Amino acid sequence: MKAAAVFGLRVFVLTLALIIVLVIATNVARMNRSPAGTQLTAPNRAAEAQQAAAMLPPLLVYTFLISLVMAWIIQRSRWHGWNLIAALIFTFYGLMTLTSQIETIVYLRAKMPSGLIQQLFLMGAVVAILFVPIAVLIMGKIRRQEESPQLERSFRPAGQWARLAGLAVVYVMLYYVFGRYVAWQNPEVRLYYSGSAELASFFEQMRSTVVTTPWMLPLQFVRGLLWVLSAYPVARMLKTTRSETACTIATLFGVWSFALLMPNPLMPSSVAHSHFWETLWCDLLLGAIVGWVLSGPAIMQATSGQELQWELGETLG
């Protein structure tokens, strides 16, 4: 009970810290400034206050869930100090910013104000660089701790890239299946992206994608690799069973979808909510698959230095 209370308190502190870091990052990236030519009249101030009030509840949910997932990963990690910080900055920035903003460039660049995409990349970097060390410090993993014998994943280099590429292909398949049968079922989504509410067959839609944008499938493959590579350090650091690792990475992938519940000036709420359900279920399933595949056999490290192999499912070799 005491351990749970301490963990809950740390998550609460992390949530407050993440909100403060987001405010700092917003200012550093200059995303809090009104567009050029906009006068701060009373109606504009009222509109900004109303938007801030609407933003608060989903922001609290979003920051709490991120803090909860990060706290759990850090607590269950066998890494510590700068190794842990560097790995989680890579993961945090990859999942929060790189994977999502690449798609923003593809689909929403024409709808975005000039310079916004650069600001988003900068803001994500500031958040990752500031928040991750704070999280590691609050969770007490700055210094190495004396622990009982624990699990260490055994990762074999042979065939590893083929495995990562295979998971990237799985991502592409899930991306288009969930996109077609979840988000694309909403006529407002079809109107927003294509200008037509017509619902073509899955085969026709894929054929159109290949013919009109032949670079799209390779791009989504690269995004799939980014998802998998972002999860790779987490799979290595966790001292958990294969099933727990799969669940942890599933939640790590799925938590970023909650950003779509916040007001978005670039996207109607109906479109954003459809994308929320699409990405949530797709990313949860992808994370579970990635976590399971990347969870190789484990080595039980004894304090005497002797190593006893403990099989957790099939080996990766």
Foldseek 3Di string as FASTA:
>chain_A
DVVVVLLVVLLVVLLVVLVVLLVVLCVVLVVPDDPPPDDPDPVNVVVVVVQVVLQPPLSSVLSSLLSNLLLVLLLQFQAFAPVQLVLLLLLQLLQQQVLVLVVCCVQPVVLDDPPVSVSRSSSSNSSSNPSSVVSRVSSPRNDRDDDAWFKFFDDDPPCPVVVLLVLLVVLLVLLLVLCLPFLLVDLVLCCVRPVGSDRDDSVVVVVCCCVVPVCVSVVSSVSSSSLLSSLLVSLRGGRDALQVQLQSQLSVNQSSLSVLCRDDPRDDNSSSVSVSVSRNVSSSVSSSVSSNLSRAWIWGQHPVRDIDTDGRPHGND
